[in-house]
Amino acid sequence: MDKTEGKKVGAGEIWNRFPKFIIGFFVASLVASFLIQPLAGSDSVKAINGVLDQYKNWCFVLAFTSIGLDTNFREIAVAVHRGPGVQHRPDLLCGVAAPVRRPVRRPGPGPV
């Protein structure tokens, strides 16, 4: 969509760009709070949550492992050592580039 002066964004465009998973999350939260807990009872819900917490933790670990596998630390290190160009790469500045500011040690014989 082009940005033009004086033109308003329609409801259809907002709906097309809106992330629909937010609605699903909201509905699931309402169902869990107002239907499942009163019907199943507090003790049953606590037992189910105890089991699901293990799966939640594994999903969290796998998600961050996937992010790590997709990260190219060599590219980040080169960009950080290159200098001022890093300010144009927000993905490198947001918590990823800061730990990599130290010089990269290359394997091989040390100083003679």
N, C-alpha and C. Protein backbone atom coordinates (compact mmCIF):
# COMPACT_ATOMS: atom_id res chain seq x y z
N MET A 1 0.84 -1.17 0.00
CA MET A 1 0.00 0.00 0.00
C MET A 1 0.89 1.24 0.00
N ASP A 2 0.61 2.14 -0.87
CA ASP A 2 1.37 3.37 -0.97
C ASP A 2 0.87 4.38 0.05
N LYS A 3 1.81 5.13 0.59
CA LYS A 3 1.45 6.17 1.55
C LYS A 3 1.27 7.47 0.78
N THR A 4 0.04 7.98 0.82
CA THR A 4 -0.23 9.25 0.16
C THR A 4 -0.86 10.21 1.15
N GLU A 5 -0.61 11.47 0.94
CA GLU A 5 -1.11 12.51 1.83
C GLU A 5 -2.63 12.59 1.77
N GLY A 6 -3.29 12.56 2.92
CA GLY A 6 -4.73 12.72 3.00
C GLY A 6 -5.53 11.46 2.74
N LYS A 7 -4.91 10.36 2.40
CA LYS A 7 -5.64 9.12 2.13
C LYS A 7 -5.71 8.30 3.41
N LYS A 8 -6.91 7.85 3.75
CA LYS A 8 -7.11 7.06 4.96
C LYS A 8 -7.01 5.57 4.64
N VAL A 9 -6.55 4.82 5.62
CA VAL A 9 -6.46 3.37 5.49
C VAL A 9 -7.81 2.77 5.84
N GLY A 10 -8.30 1.89 4.99
CA GLY A 10 -9.60 1.28 5.22
C GLY A 10 -9.54 0.11 6.19
N ALA A 11 -10.71 -0.28 6.66
CA ALA A 11 -10.81 -1.40 7.61
C ALA A 11 -10.34 -2.70 6.96
N GLY A 12 -10.59 -2.87 5.66
CA GLY A 12 -10.15 -4.08 4.96
C GLY A 12 -8.64 -4.24 4.96
N GLU A 13 -7.94 -3.14 4.78
CA GLU A 13 -6.47 -3.19 4.78
C GLU A 13 -5.94 -3.52 6.17
N ILE A 14 -6.56 -2.94 7.18
CA ILE A 14 -6.16 -3.25 8.56
C ILE A 14 -6.40 -4.72 8.84
N TRP A 15 -7.53 -5.27 8.42
CA TRP A 15 -7.84 -6.68 8.65
C TRP A 15 -6.85 -7.58 7.92
N ASN A 16 -6.47 -7.22 6.70
CA ASN A 16 -5.52 -8.04 5.94
C ASN A 16 -4.15 -8.06 6.58
N ARG A 17 -3.75 -6.99 7.21
CA ARG A 17 -2.42 -6.91 7.82
C ARG A 17 -2.40 -7.39 9.27
N PHE A 18 -3.55 -7.51 9.88
CA PHE A 18 -3.64 -7.89 11.29
C PHE A 18 -3.21 -9.34 11.48
N PRO A 19 -2.31 -9.63 12.44
CA PRO A 19 -1.91 -11.02 12.68
C PRO A 19 -3.06 -11.80 13.35
N LYS A 20 -3.63 -12.74 12.62
CA LYS A 20 -4.85 -13.44 13.07
C LYS A 20 -4.61 -14.35 14.28
N PHE A 21 -3.34 -14.75 14.53
CA PHE A 21 -3.09 -15.63 15.67
C PHE A 21 -3.43 -14.94 16.98
N ILE A 22 -3.44 -13.61 17.01
CA ILE A 22 -3.79 -12.89 18.23
C ILE A 22 -5.24 -13.18 18.62
N ILE A 23 -6.12 -13.27 17.63
CA ILE A 23 -7.53 -13.59 17.90
C ILE A 23 -7.63 -15.01 18.46
N GLY A 24 -6.90 -15.94 17.86
CA GLY A 24 -6.91 -17.32 18.34
C GLY A 24 -6.40 -17.43 19.77
N PHE A 25 -5.34 -16.70 20.07
CA PHE A 25 -4.79 -16.70 21.42
C PHE A 25 -5.80 -16.14 22.42
N PHE A 26 -6.48 -15.07 22.04
CA PHE A 26 -7.47 -14.45 22.90
C PHE A 26 -8.64 -15.40 23.16
N VAL A 27 -9.13 -16.05 22.10
CA VAL A 27 -10.25 -17.01 22.24
C VAL A 27 -9.83 -18.19 23.11
N ALA A 28 -8.61 -18.72 22.89
CA ALA A 28 -8.13 -19.85 23.70
C ALA A 28 -8.03 -19.45 25.17
N SER A 29 -7.60 -18.24 25.42
CA SER A 29 -7.51 -17.76 26.80
C SER A 29 -8.90 -17.67 27.45
N LEU A 30 -9.86 -17.16 26.70
CA LEU A 30 -11.23 -17.07 27.24
C LEU A 30 -11.82 -18.45 27.50
N VAL A 31 -11.61 -19.37 26.58
CA VAL A 31 -12.12 -20.74 26.76
C VAL A 31 -11.49 -21.39 27.98
N ALA A 32 -10.18 -21.25 28.13
CA ALA A 32 -9.51 -21.85 29.28
C ALA A 32 -9.97 -21.24 30.59
N SER A 33 -10.19 -19.93 30.59
CA SER A 33 -10.55 -19.25 31.83
C SER A 33 -12.00 -19.45 32.23
N PHE A 34 -12.91 -19.41 31.25
CA PHE A 34 -14.33 -19.40 31.60
C PHE A 34 -15.07 -20.70 31.32
N LEU A 35 -14.48 -21.62 30.58
CA LEU A 35 -15.14 -22.90 30.31
C LEU A 35 -14.42 -24.09 30.95
N ILE A 36 -13.15 -24.23 30.66
CA ILE A 36 -12.43 -25.44 31.09
C ILE A 36 -12.23 -25.45 32.60
N GLN A 37 -11.77 -24.36 33.17
CA GLN A 37 -11.52 -24.37 34.61
C GLN A 37 -12.79 -24.62 35.43
N PRO A 38 -13.90 -23.95 35.16
CA PRO A 38 -15.10 -24.25 35.95
C PRO A 38 -15.63 -25.67 35.72
N LEU A 39 -15.52 -26.19 34.49
CA LEU A 39 -16.05 -27.53 34.20
C LEU A 39 -15.15 -28.64 34.75
N ALA A 40 -13.84 -28.49 34.60
CA ALA A 40 -12.93 -29.56 35.01
C ALA A 40 -12.55 -29.47 36.48
N GLY A 41 -12.59 -28.31 37.04
CA GLY A 41 -12.19 -28.14 38.44
C GLY A 41 -10.74 -27.69 38.54
N SER A 42 -10.46 -27.01 39.62
CA SER A 42 -9.15 -26.41 39.82
C SER A 42 -8.04 -27.45 39.94
N ASP A 43 -8.32 -28.57 40.63
CA ASP A 43 -7.29 -29.61 40.81
C ASP A 43 -6.92 -30.27 39.49
N SER A 44 -7.90 -30.54 38.66
CA SER A 44 -7.63 -31.14 37.35
C SER A 44 -6.82 -30.20 36.47
N VAL A 45 -7.16 -28.94 36.49
CA VAL A 45 -6.44 -27.96 35.67
C VAL A 45 -4.99 -27.84 36.13
N LYS A 46 -4.76 -27.87 37.45
CA LYS A 46 -3.38 -27.80 37.96
C LYS A 46 -2.59 -29.03 37.53
N ALA A 47 -3.21 -30.21 37.54
CA ALA A 47 -2.52 -31.43 37.11
C ALA A 47 -2.18 -31.37 35.62
N ILE A 48 -3.12 -30.91 34.83
CA ILE A 48 -2.89 -30.79 33.38
C ILE A 48 -1.78 -29.77 33.11
N ASN A 49 -1.82 -28.64 33.80
CA ASN A 49 -0.78 -27.63 33.62
C ASN A 49 0.59 -28.14 34.03
N GLY A 50 0.64 -28.99 35.04
CA GLY A 50 1.91 -29.57 35.47
C GLY A 50 2.55 -30.40 34.37
N VAL A 51 1.72 -31.16 33.64
CA VAL A 51 2.22 -31.96 32.53
C VAL A 51 2.58 -31.07 31.34
N LEU A 52 1.72 -30.11 31.04
CA LEU A 52 1.96 -29.24 29.88
C LEU A 52 3.16 -28.32 30.07
N ASP A 53 3.51 -27.99 31.31
CA ASP A 53 4.68 -27.14 31.55
C ASP A 53 5.95 -27.78 31.00
N GLN A 54 6.06 -29.10 31.09
CA GLN A 54 7.24 -29.79 30.56
C GLN A 54 7.32 -29.59 29.05
N TYR A 55 6.20 -29.74 28.37
CA TYR A 55 6.18 -29.56 26.91
C TYR A 55 6.43 -28.10 26.54
N LYS A 56 5.90 -27.18 27.33
CA LYS A 56 6.11 -25.76 27.08
C LYS A 56 7.60 -25.43 27.15
N ASN A 57 8.29 -25.96 28.15
CA ASN A 57 9.71 -25.70 28.30
C ASN A 57 10.51 -26.27 27.13
N TRP A 58 10.16 -27.47 26.67
CA TRP A 58 10.86 -28.06 25.53
C TRP A 58 10.62 -27.25 24.26
N CYS A 59 9.41 -26.77 24.06
CA CYS A 59 9.12 -25.93 22.89
C CYS A 59 9.91 -24.64 22.94
N PHE A 60 10.04 -24.07 24.12
CA PHE A 60 10.82 -22.84 24.30
C PHE A 60 12.29 -23.09 23.95
N VAL A 61 12.84 -24.20 24.44
CA VAL A 61 14.24 -24.54 24.14
C VAL A 61 14.43 -24.76 22.65
N LEU A 62 13.53 -25.49 22.02
CA LEU A 62 13.65 -25.76 20.59
C LEU A 62 13.52 -24.48 19.76
N ALA A 63 12.67 -23.56 20.18
CA ALA A 63 12.52 -22.30 19.46
C ALA A 63 13.81 -21.50 19.49
N PHE A 64 14.44 -21.40 20.66
CA PHE A 64 15.68 -20.64 20.74
C PHE A 64 16.84 -21.37 20.07
N THR A 65 16.81 -22.69 20.07
CA THR A 65 17.82 -23.44 19.33
C THR A 65 17.69 -23.16 17.85
N SER A 66 16.49 -23.11 17.35
CA SER A 66 16.26 -22.80 15.94
C SER A 66 16.76 -21.41 15.59
N ILE A 67 16.54 -20.45 16.46
CA ILE A 67 17.05 -19.10 16.23
C ILE A 67 18.57 -19.13 16.18
N GLY A 68 19.18 -19.87 17.08
CA GLY A 68 20.64 -19.97 17.10
C GLY A 68 21.19 -20.65 15.85
N LEU A 69 20.50 -21.66 15.35
CA LEU A 69 20.96 -22.34 14.14
C LEU A 69 20.86 -21.45 12.92
N ASP A 70 19.95 -20.49 12.96
CA ASP A 70 19.74 -19.59 11.82
C ASP A 70 20.65 -18.37 11.88
N THR A 71 21.34 -18.16 12.99
CA THR A 71 22.18 -16.99 13.18
C THR A 71 23.56 -17.23 12.59
N ASN A 72 24.03 -16.30 11.79
CA ASN A 72 25.35 -16.38 11.20
C ASN A 72 26.29 -15.46 11.98
N PHE A 73 26.97 -16.02 12.99
CA PHE A 73 27.80 -15.21 13.86
C PHE A 73 29.01 -14.63 13.13
N ARG A 74 29.50 -15.31 12.11
CA ARG A 74 30.62 -14.79 11.33
C ARG A 74 30.21 -13.49 10.63
N GLU A 75 29.00 -13.48 10.05
CA GLU A 75 28.49 -12.27 9.39
C GLU A 75 28.33 -11.13 10.40
N ILE A 76 27.86 -11.46 11.59
CA ILE A 76 27.69 -10.45 12.63
C ILE A 76 29.05 -9.88 13.03
N ALA A 77 30.04 -10.75 13.23
CA ALA A 77 31.36 -10.30 13.64
C ALA A 77 31.99 -9.40 12.58
N VAL A 78 31.87 -9.78 11.31
CA VAL A 78 32.42 -8.97 10.23
C VAL A 78 31.72 -7.61 10.20
N ALA A 79 30.43 -7.59 10.34
CA ALA A 79 29.68 -6.34 10.30
C ALA A 79 30.04 -5.45 11.48
N VAL A 80 30.24 -6.04 12.66
CA VAL A 80 30.58 -5.25 13.84
C VAL A 80 31.97 -4.65 13.69
N HIS A 81 32.92 -5.42 13.17
CA HIS A 81 34.28 -4.92 13.02
C HIS A 81 34.42 -3.95 11.86
N ARG A 82 33.47 -3.97 10.95
CA ARG A 82 33.49 -3.05 9.82
C ARG A 82 33.26 -1.62 10.27
N GLY A 83 32.50 -1.46 11.33
CA GLY A 83 32.35 -0.12 11.87
C GLY A 83 30.98 0.50 11.72
N PRO A 84 30.93 1.75 11.26
CA PRO A 84 29.71 2.55 11.29
C PRO A 84 28.53 1.95 10.53
N GLY A 85 28.75 1.06 9.60
CA GLY A 85 27.65 0.48 8.84
C GLY A 85 26.71 -0.33 9.69
N VAL A 86 27.16 -0.74 10.87
CA VAL A 86 26.33 -1.56 11.75
C VAL A 86 25.09 -0.80 12.21
N GLN A 87 25.19 0.52 12.30
CA GLN A 87 24.03 1.28 12.78
C GLN A 87 22.85 1.17 11.83
N HIS A 88 23.07 0.71 10.61
CA HIS A 88 21.97 0.54 9.67
C HIS A 88 21.38 -0.86 9.72
N ARG A 89 21.89 -1.71 10.59
CA ARG A 89 21.40 -3.08 10.72
C ARG A 89 20.85 -3.28 12.12
N PRO A 90 19.57 -2.95 12.36
CA PRO A 90 19.02 -3.07 13.71
C PRO A 90 19.04 -4.49 14.24
N ASP A 91 19.00 -5.48 13.34
CA ASP A 91 19.04 -6.86 13.83
C ASP A 91 20.39 -7.17 14.46
N LEU A 92 21.44 -6.46 14.05
CA LEU A 92 22.76 -6.68 14.64
C LEU A 92 22.92 -5.92 15.95
N LEU A 93 22.16 -4.87 16.13
CA LEU A 93 22.32 -4.05 17.32
C LEU A 93 21.44 -4.50 18.47
N CYS A 94 20.37 -5.19 18.20
CA CYS A 94 19.39 -5.56 19.24
C CYS A 94 19.82 -6.81 19.99
N GLY A 95 20.83 -6.70 20.81
CA GLY A 95 21.19 -7.79 21.69
C GLY A 95 22.05 -8.86 21.06
N VAL A 96 22.33 -8.79 19.78
CA VAL A 96 23.13 -9.83 19.16
C VAL A 96 24.55 -9.35 18.94
N ALA A 97 24.72 -8.13 18.50
CA ALA A 97 26.05 -7.63 18.16
C ALA A 97 26.85 -7.26 19.41
N ALA A 98 26.19 -6.86 20.46
CA ALA A 98 26.90 -6.40 21.66
C ALA A 98 27.88 -7.45 22.20
N PRO A 99 27.51 -8.72 22.33
CA PRO A 99 28.46 -9.69 22.85
C PRO A 99 29.60 -10.01 21.88
N VAL A 100 29.49 -9.63 20.63
CA VAL A 100 30.47 -10.02 19.62
C VAL A 100 31.49 -8.90 19.40
N ARG A 101 31.49 -7.85 20.18
CA ARG A 101 32.38 -6.71 19.95
C ARG A 101 33.84 -7.05 20.20
N ARG A 102 34.13 -8.13 20.87
CA ARG A 102 35.52 -8.51 21.10
C ARG A 102 36.16 -8.96 19.80
N PRO A 103 37.47 -8.79 19.64
CA PRO A 103 38.12 -9.23 18.40
C PRO A 103 37.98 -10.73 18.21
N VAL A 104 37.84 -11.12 16.97
CA VAL A 104 37.72 -12.54 16.65
C VAL A 104 39.12 -13.12 16.56
N ARG A 105 39.38 -14.16 17.33
CA ARG A 105 40.70 -14.82 17.29
C ARG A 105 40.69 -15.86 16.17
N ARG A 106 41.70 -15.79 15.35
CA ARG A 106 41.80 -16.74 14.25
C ARG A 106 42.72 -17.87 14.65
N PRO A 107 42.36 -19.11 14.29
CA PRO A 107 43.22 -20.24 14.62
C PRO A 107 44.55 -20.15 13.85
N GLY A 108 45.56 -20.66 14.44
CA GLY A 108 46.87 -20.65 13.78
C GLY A 108 47.96 -20.37 14.79
N PRO A 109 49.16 -20.25 14.28
CA PRO A 109 50.28 -20.02 15.20
C PRO A 109 50.16 -18.64 15.86
N GLY A 110 50.55 -18.59 17.09
CA GLY A 110 50.49 -17.35 17.85
C GLY A 110 51.62 -16.41 17.45
N PRO A 111 51.72 -15.28 18.14
CA PRO A 111 52.80 -14.33 17.83
C PRO A 111 54.17 -14.94 18.09
N VAL A 112 55.11 -14.61 17.24
CA VAL A 112 56.45 -15.19 17.36
C VAL A 112 57.34 -14.27 18.14
